[in-house]
């Protein structure tokens, strides 16, 4: 029997795959991001189409239920995504600081002419 959560997971997996493909096709997404979201989408599709994979994974990780396993993996994945976003944010912050310094130098040179 197909449950609503399986249908939702399947549709979400398809959405991640399709959206990532369209963004990479339009060159609005990096390859690393495409791979991450494609893996997430494919994993969701696999877990909804073959529920035994979730049971096997739960047994391997010594977690009682498939749902707990999926939640634990989702939380772990979210931590990784937050860490990556934090690193990107720091990099962009450094780039903004460098640009501000360059603008200040150029502005100072223009005023002194």
N, C-alpha and C. Protein backbone atom coordinates (compact mmCIF):
# COMPACT_ATOMS: atom_id res chain seq x y z
N UNK A 1 0.84 -1.18 0.00
CA UNK A 1 0.00 0.00 0.00
C UNK A 1 0.88 1.25 0.00
N UNK A 2 0.52 2.19 -0.82
CA UNK A 2 1.29 3.42 -0.95
C UNK A 2 0.74 4.45 0.03
N UNK A 3 1.62 5.00 0.84
CA UNK A 3 1.18 6.01 1.81
C UNK A 3 1.42 7.41 1.25
N UNK A 4 0.82 8.38 1.90
CA UNK A 4 0.97 9.77 1.48
C UNK A 4 2.42 10.21 1.60
N UNK A 5 3.11 9.75 2.64
CA UNK A 5 4.51 10.14 2.84
C UNK A 5 5.39 9.59 1.72
N UNK A 6 5.07 8.40 1.21
CA UNK A 6 5.83 7.85 0.09
C UNK A 6 5.61 8.68 -1.17
N UNK A 7 4.37 9.07 -1.41
CA UNK A 7 4.07 9.90 -2.58
C UNK A 7 4.77 11.25 -2.45
N UNK A 8 4.72 11.84 -1.25
CA UNK A 8 5.37 13.13 -1.03
C UNK A 8 6.89 13.01 -1.21
N UNK A 9 7.48 11.96 -0.68
CA UNK A 9 8.92 11.74 -0.84
C UNK A 9 9.30 11.53 -2.29
N UNK A 10 8.48 10.79 -3.01
CA UNK A 10 8.74 10.55 -4.43
C UNK A 10 8.68 11.85 -5.21
N UNK A 11 7.63 12.64 -4.97
CA UNK A 11 7.48 13.91 -5.68
C UNK A 11 8.61 14.88 -5.33
N UNK A 12 9.00 14.91 -4.06
CA UNK A 12 10.10 15.78 -3.64
C UNK A 12 11.41 15.34 -4.29
N UNK A 13 11.64 14.05 -4.36
CA UNK A 13 12.84 13.54 -5.03
C UNK A 13 12.87 13.92 -6.50
N UNK A 14 11.74 13.77 -7.17
CA UNK A 14 11.65 14.18 -8.58
C UNK A 14 11.88 15.68 -8.73
N UNK A 15 11.32 16.47 -7.81
CA UNK A 15 11.50 17.92 -7.85
C UNK A 15 12.98 18.28 -7.73
N UNK A 16 13.68 17.67 -6.75
CA UNK A 16 15.10 17.97 -6.57
C UNK A 16 15.90 17.62 -7.82
N UNK A 17 15.62 16.47 -8.40
CA UNK A 17 16.35 16.06 -9.60
C UNK A 17 16.06 17.00 -10.77
N UNK A 18 14.80 17.30 -11.00
CA UNK A 18 14.42 18.15 -12.12
C UNK A 18 14.92 19.57 -11.94
N UNK A 19 14.76 20.11 -10.75
CA UNK A 19 15.19 21.49 -10.48
C UNK A 19 16.70 21.63 -10.61
N UNK A 20 17.44 20.67 -10.09
CA UNK A 20 18.90 20.70 -10.21
C UNK A 20 19.32 20.62 -11.67
N UNK A 21 18.67 19.74 -12.42
CA UNK A 21 19.00 19.61 -13.84
C UNK A 21 18.73 20.92 -14.59
N UNK A 22 17.58 21.53 -14.33
CA UNK A 22 17.25 22.77 -15.04
C UNK A 22 18.20 23.91 -14.66
N UNK A 23 18.58 23.98 -13.39
CA UNK A 23 19.50 25.04 -12.97
C UNK A 23 20.90 24.85 -13.55
N UNK A 24 21.37 23.63 -13.62
CA UNK A 24 22.70 23.39 -14.19
C UNK A 24 22.67 23.61 -15.70
N UNK A 25 21.54 23.31 -16.32
CA UNK A 25 21.39 23.53 -17.76
C UNK A 25 21.44 25.02 -18.08
N UNK A 26 20.85 25.85 -17.22
CA UNK A 26 20.86 27.30 -17.41
C UNK A 26 22.14 27.94 -16.87
N UNK A 27 23.04 27.11 -16.34
CA UNK A 27 24.32 27.56 -15.76
C UNK A 27 24.11 28.51 -14.59
N UNK A 28 23.09 28.23 -13.79
CA UNK A 28 22.82 29.04 -12.60
C UNK A 28 23.16 28.29 -11.32
N UNK A 29 23.76 27.10 -11.46
CA UNK A 29 24.10 26.29 -10.31
C UNK A 29 25.47 25.66 -10.56
N UNK A 30 26.25 25.53 -9.50
CA UNK A 30 27.56 24.90 -9.63
C UNK A 30 27.39 23.38 -9.68
N UNK A 31 28.40 22.73 -10.21
CA UNK A 31 28.34 21.28 -10.36
C UNK A 31 28.26 20.60 -8.99
N UNK A 32 28.99 21.13 -8.00
CA UNK A 32 28.96 20.54 -6.65
C UNK A 32 27.54 20.59 -6.07
N UNK A 33 26.87 21.72 -6.24
CA UNK A 33 25.49 21.83 -5.76
C UNK A 33 24.57 20.87 -6.51
N UNK A 34 24.79 20.77 -7.81
CA UNK A 34 24.00 19.84 -8.62
C UNK A 34 24.15 18.41 -8.11
N UNK A 35 25.39 18.02 -7.81
CA UNK A 35 25.63 16.66 -7.32
C UNK A 35 24.96 16.42 -5.98
N UNK A 36 25.06 17.40 -5.07
CA UNK A 36 24.45 17.24 -3.75
C UNK A 36 22.94 17.06 -3.87
N UNK A 37 22.29 17.96 -4.60
CA UNK A 37 20.83 17.88 -4.69
C UNK A 37 20.37 16.70 -5.53
N UNK A 38 21.18 16.29 -6.49
CA UNK A 38 20.83 15.09 -7.27
C UNK A 38 20.92 13.84 -6.40
N UNK A 39 21.94 13.77 -5.55
CA UNK A 39 22.07 12.63 -4.65
C UNK A 39 20.91 12.59 -3.66
N UNK A 40 20.53 13.76 -3.15
CA UNK A 40 19.39 13.83 -2.24
C UNK A 40 18.11 13.37 -2.95
N UNK A 41 17.90 13.88 -4.16
CA UNK A 41 16.72 13.49 -4.92
C UNK A 41 16.69 12.01 -5.24
N UNK A 42 17.83 11.48 -5.67
CA UNK A 42 17.91 10.05 -5.99
C UNK A 42 17.70 9.20 -4.74
N UNK A 43 18.23 9.66 -3.61
CA UNK A 43 18.05 8.93 -2.35
C UNK A 43 16.58 8.89 -1.95
N UNK A 44 15.91 10.03 -2.10
CA UNK A 44 14.48 10.06 -1.78
C UNK A 44 13.69 9.12 -2.69
N UNK A 45 14.03 9.13 -3.97
CA UNK A 45 13.35 8.22 -4.89
C UNK A 45 13.60 6.76 -4.51
N UNK A 46 14.85 6.45 -4.18
CA UNK A 46 15.19 5.08 -3.80
C UNK A 46 14.45 4.65 -2.53
N UNK A 47 14.43 5.54 -1.54
CA UNK A 47 13.76 5.20 -0.27
C UNK A 47 12.25 5.05 -0.42
N UNK A 48 11.66 5.78 -1.35
CA UNK A 48 10.21 5.66 -1.53
C UNK A 48 9.84 4.49 -2.44
N UNK A 49 10.69 4.18 -3.40
CA UNK A 49 10.39 3.07 -4.31
C UNK A 49 10.76 1.71 -3.72
N UNK A 50 11.83 1.69 -2.91
CA UNK A 50 12.29 0.44 -2.30
C UNK A 50 12.44 0.67 -0.79
N UNK A 51 11.35 0.57 -0.03
CA UNK A 51 11.40 0.85 1.41
C UNK A 51 12.34 -0.07 2.19
N UNK A 52 12.64 -1.24 1.64
CA UNK A 52 13.54 -2.17 2.33
C UNK A 52 14.94 -1.58 2.49
N UNK A 53 15.31 -0.65 1.62
CA UNK A 53 16.61 0.01 1.74
C UNK A 53 16.68 0.77 3.05
N UNK A 54 15.61 1.46 3.40
CA UNK A 54 15.55 2.19 4.67
C UNK A 54 15.63 1.26 5.86
N UNK A 55 14.97 0.11 5.77
CA UNK A 55 15.02 -0.87 6.86
C UNK A 55 16.43 -1.44 7.02
N UNK A 56 17.07 -1.74 5.90
CA UNK A 56 18.44 -2.26 5.94
C UNK A 56 19.40 -1.24 6.52
N UNK A 57 19.23 0.01 6.10
CA UNK A 57 20.07 1.09 6.62
C UNK A 57 19.86 1.29 8.11
N UNK A 58 18.62 1.22 8.55
CA UNK A 58 18.31 1.35 9.98
C UNK A 58 18.96 0.22 10.77
N UNK A 59 18.88 -0.97 10.23
CA UNK A 59 19.49 -2.12 10.91
C UNK A 59 21.01 -1.97 10.97
N UNK A 60 21.61 -1.51 9.88
CA UNK A 60 23.07 -1.33 9.83
C UNK A 60 23.53 -0.27 10.82
N UNK A 61 22.78 0.82 10.92
CA UNK A 61 23.15 1.91 11.84
C UNK A 61 22.67 1.66 13.26
N UNK A 62 22.03 0.53 13.49
CA UNK A 62 21.52 0.14 14.81
C UNK A 62 20.51 1.17 15.34
N UNK A 63 19.60 1.56 14.45
CA UNK A 63 18.51 2.47 14.81
C UNK A 63 17.22 1.67 14.67
N UNK A 64 16.28 1.91 15.56
CA UNK A 64 15.09 1.04 15.64
C UNK A 64 14.17 1.11 14.43
N UNK A 65 13.91 2.32 13.94
CA UNK A 65 12.92 2.43 12.86
C UNK A 65 13.51 3.13 11.64
N UNK A 66 12.86 2.89 10.52
CA UNK A 66 13.26 3.53 9.27
C UNK A 66 13.08 5.04 9.35
N UNK A 67 11.99 5.47 9.97
CA UNK A 67 11.72 6.91 10.08
C UNK A 67 12.80 7.61 10.90
N UNK A 68 13.21 7.00 12.00
CA UNK A 68 14.28 7.59 12.82
C UNK A 68 15.58 7.67 12.04
N UNK A 69 15.84 6.67 11.23
CA UNK A 69 17.05 6.67 10.41
C UNK A 69 17.01 7.81 9.41
N UNK A 70 15.88 7.97 8.76
CA UNK A 70 15.75 9.03 7.76
C UNK A 70 15.88 10.40 8.42
N UNK A 71 15.26 10.58 9.59
CA UNK A 71 15.39 11.86 10.30
C UNK A 71 16.83 12.11 10.73
N UNK A 72 17.51 11.09 11.23
CA UNK A 72 18.90 11.25 11.65
C UNK A 72 19.79 11.63 10.47
N UNK A 73 19.60 10.95 9.35
CA UNK A 73 20.39 11.28 8.16
C UNK A 73 20.06 12.67 7.63
N UNK A 74 18.79 13.05 7.70
CA UNK A 74 18.39 14.39 7.25
C UNK A 74 19.03 15.47 8.12
N UNK A 75 19.05 15.25 9.42
CA UNK A 75 19.67 16.22 10.32
C UNK A 75 21.17 16.32 10.04
N UNK A 76 21.82 15.18 9.85
CA UNK A 76 23.24 15.17 9.52
C UNK A 76 23.50 15.92 8.22
N UNK A 77 22.67 15.68 7.22
CA UNK A 77 22.81 16.35 5.93
C UNK A 77 22.59 17.85 6.08
N UNK A 78 21.62 18.24 6.89
CA UNK A 78 21.38 19.67 7.11
C UNK A 78 22.57 20.34 7.78
N UNK A 79 23.21 19.64 8.72
CA UNK A 79 24.43 20.18 9.32
C UNK A 79 25.51 20.40 8.27
N UNK A 80 25.66 19.46 7.36
CA UNK A 80 26.65 19.62 6.29
C UNK A 80 26.32 20.81 5.39
N UNK A 81 25.05 20.95 5.06
CA UNK A 81 24.63 22.06 4.21
C UNK A 81 24.85 23.39 4.92
N UNK A 82 24.51 23.47 6.20
CA UNK A 82 24.72 24.70 6.96
C UNK A 82 26.20 25.03 7.04
N UNK A 83 27.04 24.02 7.26
CA UNK A 83 28.49 24.25 7.32
C UNK A 83 28.99 24.79 5.99
N UNK A 84 28.54 24.20 4.89
CA UNK A 84 28.97 24.67 3.56
C UNK A 84 28.49 26.10 3.30
N UNK A 85 27.26 26.39 3.68
CA UNK A 85 26.75 27.75 3.50
C UNK A 85 27.53 28.75 4.34
N UNK A 86 27.91 28.35 5.54
CA UNK A 86 28.71 29.21 6.40
C UNK A 86 30.07 29.50 5.77
N UNK A 87 30.69 28.48 5.20
CA UNK A 87 31.98 28.67 4.54
C UNK A 87 31.85 29.59 3.33
N UNK A 88 30.79 29.42 2.55
CA UNK A 88 30.56 30.30 1.41
C UNK A 88 30.31 31.73 1.86
N UNK A 89 29.58 31.87 2.96
CA UNK A 89 29.29 33.19 3.50
C UNK A 89 30.57 33.90 3.93
N UNK A 90 31.47 33.17 4.58
CA UNK A 90 32.75 33.75 4.99
C UNK A 90 33.57 34.18 3.79
N UNK A 91 33.58 33.35 2.76
CA UNK A 91 34.33 33.68 1.55
C UNK A 91 33.77 34.94 0.89
N UNK A 92 32.46 35.02 0.80
CA UNK A 92 31.83 36.21 0.21
C UNK A 92 32.09 37.45 1.06
N UNK A 93 32.10 37.29 2.36
CA UNK A 93 32.39 38.41 3.26
C UNK A 93 33.80 38.93 3.03
N UNK A 94 34.76 38.02 2.86
CA UNK A 94 36.14 38.44 2.57
C UNK A 94 36.21 39.16 1.23
N UNK A 95 35.52 38.65 0.23
CA UNK A 95 35.53 39.29 -1.08
C UNK A 95 34.92 40.68 -1.02
N UNK A 96 33.86 40.85 -0.25
CA UNK A 96 33.24 42.17 -0.09
C UNK A 96 34.21 43.12 0.59
N UNK A 97 34.93 42.65 1.59
CA UNK A 97 35.91 43.51 2.27
C UNK A 97 37.00 43.97 1.31
N UNK A 98 37.49 43.06 0.48
CA UNK A 98 38.53 43.42 -0.49
C UNK A 98 37.98 44.43 -1.49
N UNK A 99 36.77 44.22 -1.97
CA UNK A 99 36.16 45.17 -2.91
C UNK A 99 35.95 46.53 -2.27
N UNK A 100 35.53 46.57 -1.01
CA UNK A 100 35.36 47.84 -0.32
C UNK A 100 36.68 48.58 -0.21
N UNK A 101 37.75 47.87 0.09
CA UNK A 101 39.07 48.50 0.18
C UNK A 101 39.50 49.05 -1.17
N UNK A 102 39.29 48.28 -2.23
CA UNK A 102 39.66 48.74 -3.57
C UNK A 102 38.85 49.96 -3.98
N UNK A 103 37.57 49.98 -3.66
CA UNK A 103 36.73 51.14 -3.97
C UNK A 103 37.19 52.36 -3.20
N UNK A 104 37.54 52.17 -1.93
CA UNK A 104 38.02 53.29 -1.12
C UNK A 104 39.31 53.86 -1.68
N UNK A 105 40.22 53.00 -2.12
CA UNK A 105 41.49 53.47 -2.71
C UNK A 105 41.21 54.22 -4.00
N UNK A 106 40.37 53.68 -4.87
CA UNK A 106 40.04 54.35 -6.13
C UNK A 106 39.34 55.68 -5.89
N UNK A 107 38.45 55.73 -4.94
CA UNK A 107 37.74 56.96 -4.61
C UNK A 107 38.72 58.01 -4.09
N UNK A 108 39.67 57.58 -3.26
CA UNK A 108 40.68 58.49 -2.72
C UNK A 108 41.56 59.04 -3.84
N UNK A 109 41.95 58.18 -4.79
CA UNK A 109 42.77 58.62 -5.91
C UNK A 109 42.02 59.61 -6.79
N UNK A 110 40.72 59.40 -7.00
CA UNK A 110 39.93 60.32 -7.82
C UNK A 110 39.77 61.68 -7.14
N UNK A 111 39.61 61.69 -5.84
CA UNK A 111 39.44 62.94 -5.11
C UNK A 111 40.73 63.75 -5.05
N UNK A 112 41.87 63.11 -5.11
CA UNK A 112 43.16 63.80 -5.01
C UNK A 112 43.68 64.25 -6.36
N UNK A 113 42.96 64.06 -7.43
CA UNK A 113 43.41 64.52 -8.76
C UNK A 113 43.12 65.96 -8.98
